[in-house]
Amino acid sequence: MRVELHCHSTFSDGSFPAAEVAQLAARTRVALFCLTDHDTCAGYEISREILEPTGCKVLRGLELSCRAGGRNVHVLLYGLVEGPGLDRLRERLDEVHTERCERLVAICVRLRRLGIDLDDQALLSRSHGRTPGRPDVARALVAAGVCKTPQEAFTRYLRDGGPADVALARLSVADGIALGLAAGGRASLAHPHTMGDLAQARALLKEHRDLGLEGIEAFYGSYARAESERWLRLAHELDLVPTGGSDFHGEMNPAVTQPGIGLPEDVAARLCAWLGL
């Protein structure tokens, strides 16, 4: 079964509009799709209008920015439904949007101290209607001739802990999961390799499993089979549901050229049952 449960559009840090991401997913015959922009589910209706006529099941979801133990943790939320719970989540996401705008300005201040002058207000104006973030600054650094690619901008200036990075205030993982579950969603740990090592990922999942962090992204765009097998073993150990997504961003992640990832039938069956499909 071909699914796409982790991808991004210009509503956050992707380089293609939500409609184009959905069209690409349709061309690759994705059967289950969720646009997971950072801290927003603004592209859900667009995705559904394009993909549901093709027979693809479309979920409302997002990638929630959280923090645990001094480390950034991204939680994928799937199957959010309209109601008071989603209203509360949106209120918190509105606060996150404000915090991200303030962070972008602070990053530009740090860049000025490094002799690089970017117009933060112009960047905020261009990001109106979507989630602003470091990719906006990365593209501006390329446009200004400071860097050749957005990836170089991250490596030199914007990576976590980089000379121009500014930490973003984030929800705790427990609070993020609670908001997602109250909105009718299911929660999965995104790209578990970014936790540092297997032991740290296991500790975080064990701590939050009973709070509702029931999934782990064992199938991921850049994972070779051996890497997926490592996370599948952890999923089996902790009785977690394996999920899958490419983390498609367009030019911001050129290693992933199109949305969609294949899941073995047994994994797909368990995933669909978990999602209530």
Protein backbone atom coordinates (compact mmCIF):
# COMPACT_ATOMS: atom_id res chain seq x y z
CA MET A 1 0.00 0.00 0.00
CA ARG A 2 1.36 3.41 -0.95
CA VAL A 3 0.81 6.09 1.69
CA GLU A 4 1.95 9.62 2.45
CA LEU A 5 1.60 10.56 6.10
CA HIS A 6 4.41 13.10 6.36
CA CYS A 7 4.79 15.86 3.79
CA HIS A 8 4.90 19.64 3.60
CA SER A 9 3.61 22.48 1.44
CA THR A 10 4.06 26.24 1.29
CA PHE A 11 1.68 26.47 4.26
CA SER A 12 4.86 25.77 6.26
CA ASP A 13 8.36 24.98 4.95
CA GLY A 14 7.65 23.10 1.72
CA SER A 15 8.38 24.64 -1.67
CA PHE A 16 5.19 23.54 -3.48
CA PRO A 17 1.60 24.70 -2.80
CA ALA A 18 -0.70 22.19 -1.12
CA ALA A 19 -2.59 21.61 -4.37
CA GLU A 20 0.60 20.65 -6.19
CA VAL A 21 1.70 18.29 -3.40
CA ALA A 22 -1.70 16.59 -3.60
CA GLN A 23 -1.47 16.34 -7.39
CA LEU A 24 1.97 14.75 -7.12
CA ALA A 25 0.60 12.27 -4.59
CA ALA A 26 -2.24 11.42 -6.98
CA ARG A 27 0.23 10.75 -9.80
CA THR A 28 2.15 8.29 -7.64
CA ARG A 29 -1.11 6.50 -6.68
CA VAL A 30 -1.05 7.27 -2.98
CA ALA A 31 -3.99 5.53 -1.28
CA LEU A 32 -3.79 7.24 2.13
CA PHE A 33 -2.66 10.86 2.49
CA CYS A 34 -2.14 13.43 5.21
CA LEU A 35 -0.54 16.83 4.64
CA THR A 36 1.48 17.46 7.81
CA ASP A 37 2.63 21.05 7.65
CA HIS A 38 4.35 22.39 10.74
CA ASP A 39 1.82 23.57 13.32
CA THR A 40 -1.03 24.07 10.83
CA CYS A 41 -3.62 21.94 9.05
CA ALA A 42 -4.57 24.73 6.63
CA GLY A 43 -4.07 22.58 3.52
CA TYR A 44 -6.49 19.81 4.45
CA GLU A 45 -9.50 20.95 2.39
CA ILE A 46 -7.36 21.57 -0.68
CA SER A 47 -5.80 18.11 -0.41
CA ARG A 48 -9.16 16.43 0.07
CA GLU A 49 -10.74 18.15 -2.94
CA ILE A 50 -7.96 16.91 -5.21
CA LEU A 51 -7.32 13.44 -3.83
CA GLU A 52 -10.65 12.03 -2.67
CA PRO A 53 -12.07 11.86 -6.22
CA THR A 54 -9.14 9.55 -7.06
CA GLY A 55 -10.17 7.13 -4.30
CA CYS A 56 -7.46 8.24 -1.90
CA LYS A 57 -8.41 8.57 1.78
CA VAL A 58 -7.35 11.99 3.13
CA LEU A 59 -6.80 12.77 6.81
CA ARG A 60 -6.59 16.13 8.54
CA GLY A 61 -3.29 16.41 10.39
CA LEU A 62 -0.07 18.29 11.07
CA GLU A 63 3.44 18.02 12.45
CA LEU A 64 3.45 19.51 15.94
CA SER A 65 6.60 21.15 17.28
CA CYS A 66 7.30 19.90 20.80
CA ARG A 67 10.20 19.63 23.21
CA ALA A 68 11.35 17.03 25.73
CA GLY A 69 14.55 16.74 27.72
CA GLY A 70 16.12 19.75 26.01
CA ARG A 71 15.56 18.22 22.57
CA ASN A 72 13.16 19.19 19.78
CA VAL A 73 10.58 16.47 19.17
CA HIS A 74 8.13 16.44 16.26
CA VAL A 75 4.81 14.68 16.79
CA LEU A 76 2.65 13.77 13.81
CA LEU A 77 -1.08 14.13 14.48
CA TYR A 78 -3.53 12.28 12.22
CA GLY A 79 -7.32 12.29 11.87
CA LEU A 80 -8.16 15.57 13.60
CA VAL A 81 -11.90 16.32 13.56
CA GLU A 82 -13.90 19.51 13.87
CA GLY A 83 -15.12 20.29 17.38
CA PRO A 84 -14.10 21.95 20.65
CA GLY A 85 -10.88 19.94 20.83
CA LEU A 86 -9.69 21.11 17.43
CA ASP A 87 -10.73 24.67 18.33
CA ARG A 88 -8.44 24.51 21.38
CA LEU A 89 -5.60 23.11 19.28
CA ARG A 90 -6.03 25.91 16.73
CA GLU A 91 -5.91 28.50 19.52
CA ARG A 92 -2.58 27.09 20.66
CA LEU A 93 -1.32 26.98 17.09
CA ASP A 94 -2.23 30.66 16.70
CA GLU A 95 0.06 31.34 19.66
CA VAL A 96 2.77 29.24 18.01
CA HIS A 97 2.39 31.29 14.83
CA THR A 98 3.02 34.50 16.80
CA GLU A 99 6.04 32.91 18.48
CA ARG A 100 7.42 31.84 15.07
CA CYS A 101 7.08 35.40 13.74
CA GLU A 102 8.98 36.72 16.75
CA ARG A 103 11.62 34.05 16.24
CA LEU A 104 12.14 35.02 12.59
CA VAL A 105 12.78 38.63 13.63
CA ALA A 106 15.23 37.46 16.30
CA ILE A 107 17.10 35.31 13.75
CA CYS A 108 17.48 38.34 11.49
CA VAL A 109 18.88 40.32 14.44
CA ARG A 110 21.53 37.61 14.94
CA LEU A 111 22.36 37.65 11.25
CA ARG A 112 22.89 41.43 11.37
CA ARG A 113 25.42 40.88 14.14
CA LEU A 114 27.19 38.56 11.71
CA GLY A 115 27.18 41.27 9.02
CA ILE A 116 24.22 39.96 7.04
CA ASP A 117 21.29 42.36 6.68
CA LEU A 118 17.92 40.81 5.79
CA ASP A 119 14.58 42.65 5.86
CA ASP A 120 12.62 40.72 8.50
CA GLN A 121 9.41 42.63 7.86
CA ALA A 122 9.54 41.77 4.16
CA LEU A 123 10.06 38.12 5.08
CA LEU A 124 7.05 38.20 7.40
CA SER A 125 4.94 39.89 4.72
CA ARG A 126 5.82 37.20 2.18
CA SER A 127 4.93 34.47 4.67
CA HIS A 128 1.47 35.89 5.40
CA GLY A 129 -1.16 33.16 5.60
CA ARG A 130 1.24 30.34 6.41
CA THR A 131 3.69 29.27 9.10
CA PRO A 132 6.91 31.35 8.93
CA GLY A 133 10.18 29.68 9.78
CA ARG A 134 13.87 29.21 9.17
CA PRO A 135 13.33 28.05 5.54
CA ASP A 136 12.09 31.59 4.75
CA VAL A 137 15.39 32.95 6.06
CA ALA A 138 17.33 30.25 4.19
CA ARG A 139 15.72 31.24 0.88
CA ALA A 140 16.44 34.91 1.63
CA LEU A 141 20.11 34.09 2.26
CA VAL A 142 20.24 32.40 -1.15
CA ALA A 143 18.50 35.35 -2.83
CA ALA A 144 21.00 37.74 -1.21
CA GLY A 145 23.91 35.71 -2.55
CA VAL A 146 25.16 34.79 0.91
CA CYS A 147 24.58 31.06 0.35
CA LYS A 148 24.23 28.95 -2.77
CA THR A 149 21.48 26.66 -1.49
CA PRO A 150 18.99 26.57 1.39
CA GLN A 151 20.86 23.54 2.72
CA GLU A 152 24.06 25.58 2.93
CA ALA A 153 22.16 28.30 4.80
CA PHE A 154 21.08 25.77 7.41
CA THR A 155 24.54 24.24 7.69
CA ARG A 156 26.30 27.58 8.10
CA TYR A 157 23.76 29.64 10.05
CA LEU A 158 20.33 28.18 10.83
CA ARG A 159 20.79 24.62 12.08
CA ASP A 160 19.74 23.87 15.65
CA GLY A 161 22.37 25.60 17.77
CA GLY A 162 23.83 27.39 14.72
CA PRO A 163 25.21 30.95 14.93
CA ALA A 164 21.90 32.53 13.84
CA ASP A 165 19.48 30.00 15.31
CA VAL A 166 17.02 31.09 17.99
CA ALA A 167 15.32 28.42 20.08
CA LEU A 168 11.56 28.27 19.64
CA ALA A 169 9.33 27.96 22.68
CA ARG A 170 7.57 24.64 22.25
CA LEU A 171 4.86 22.57 23.83
CA SER A 172 5.88 19.64 25.97
CA VAL A 173 5.35 16.32 24.23
CA ALA A 174 2.73 15.40 26.84
CA ASP A 175 0.77 18.62 26.29
CA GLY A 176 1.01 18.26 22.50
CA ILE A 177 -0.31 14.71 22.61
CA ALA A 178 -3.15 15.76 24.91
CA LEU A 179 -4.20 18.52 22.52
CA GLY A 180 -4.10 16.13 19.57
CA LEU A 181 -6.10 13.41 21.29
CA ALA A 182 -8.71 15.94 22.45
CA ALA A 183 -9.11 16.89 18.78
CA GLY A 184 -9.83 13.27 17.86
CA GLY A 185 -6.37 12.55 16.54
CA ARG A 186 -3.73 9.84 16.74
CA ALA A 187 -0.09 10.62 17.56
CA SER A 188 3.13 9.23 16.06
CA LEU A 189 6.79 10.13 16.63
CA ALA A 190 8.24 11.65 13.45
CA HIS A 191 11.68 10.61 12.07
CA PRO A 192 12.83 8.81 15.23
CA HIS A 193 16.49 8.86 14.13
CA THR A 194 16.58 12.56 15.03
CA MET A 195 16.26 11.62 18.70
CA GLY A 196 19.99 10.91 18.66
CA ASP A 197 20.07 7.18 19.26
CA LEU A 198 17.82 4.19 19.84
CA ALA A 199 18.02 4.43 23.63
CA GLN A 200 16.79 8.02 23.70
CA ALA A 201 13.96 7.25 21.28
CA ARG A 202 12.95 4.23 23.37
CA ALA A 203 12.96 6.28 26.59
CA LEU A 204 10.78 9.02 25.09
CA LEU A 205 8.32 6.52 23.64
CA LYS A 206 8.09 4.50 26.86
CA GLU A 207 7.45 7.68 28.83
CA HIS A 208 4.66 8.85 26.51
CA ARG A 209 3.19 5.58 25.20
CA ASP A 210 0.37 5.47 27.74
CA LEU A 211 -0.31 9.19 27.18
CA GLY A 212 -1.20 8.46 23.57
CA LEU A 213 2.07 8.43 21.61
CA GLU A 214 1.16 5.12 20.01
CA GLY A 215 2.88 5.43 16.62
CA ILE A 216 6.45 5.55 15.34
CA GLU A 217 7.51 6.58 11.84
CA ALA A 218 9.37 3.39 10.99
CA PHE A 219 9.08 3.98 7.24
CA TYR A 220 10.64 7.30 6.26
CA GLY A 221 11.82 8.86 3.01
CA SER A 222 15.55 8.55 3.63
CA TYR A 223 15.50 5.19 5.47
CA ALA A 224 17.11 2.17 3.91
CA ARG A 225 15.53 -1.18 4.72
CA ALA A 226 17.93 -1.83 7.61
CA GLU A 227 17.02 1.49 9.24
CA SER A 228 13.31 0.76 8.97
CA GLU A 229 13.87 -2.69 10.45
CA ARG A 230 15.54 -1.11 13.48
CA TRP A 231 12.48 1.01 14.21
CA LEU A 232 10.11 -1.84 13.43
CA ARG A 233 11.83 -3.88 16.14
CA LEU A 234 11.32 -1.03 18.59
CA ALA A 235 7.66 -0.77 17.52
CA HIS A 236 7.22 -4.47 18.23
CA GLU A 237 8.99 -4.17 21.60
CA LEU A 238 6.77 -1.30 22.77
CA ASP A 239 3.58 -2.35 20.95
CA LEU A 240 3.59 0.74 18.74
CA VAL A 241 1.95 1.23 15.36
CA PRO A 242 4.47 1.74 12.51
CA THR A 243 3.62 4.74 10.34
CA GLY A 244 5.20 5.99 7.13
CA GLY A 245 5.86 9.17 5.19
CA SER A 246 8.45 10.63 2.85
CA ASP A 247 8.91 14.03 4.57
CA PHE A 248 8.55 15.57 1.12
CA HIS A 249 9.48 19.28 1.08
CA GLY A 250 10.42 19.93 -2.54
CA GLU A 251 13.63 21.96 -2.84
CA MET A 252 14.10 22.08 0.93
CA ASN A 253 14.73 18.32 0.93
CA PRO A 254 15.90 17.47 -2.59
CA ALA A 255 16.78 13.89 -1.62
CA VAL A 256 13.02 13.14 -1.60
CA THR A 257 11.79 13.78 -5.13
CA GLN A 258 8.09 12.92 -4.78
CA PRO A 259 5.51 12.19 -2.08
CA GLY A 260 4.55 8.64 -1.20
CA ILE A 261 6.14 5.62 0.42
CA GLY A 262 5.32 1.92 0.21
CA LEU A 263 4.20 -0.06 3.25
CA PRO A 264 4.04 -3.86 3.58
CA GLU A 265 0.45 -5.08 3.62
CA ASP A 266 0.53 -6.25 7.24
CA VAL A 267 1.87 -2.89 8.40
CA ALA A 268 -0.69 -1.04 6.28
CA ALA A 269 -3.53 -3.13 7.73
CA ARG A 270 -2.54 -2.38 11.30
CA LEU A 271 -2.05 1.30 10.49
CA CYS A 272 -5.51 1.58 8.93
CA ALA A 273 -7.11 -0.19 11.88
CA TRP A 274 -5.38 2.19 14.30
CA LEU A 275 -6.64 5.16 12.30
CA GLY A 276 -10.18 3.75 12.25
CA LEU A 277 -10.26 3.34 8.47
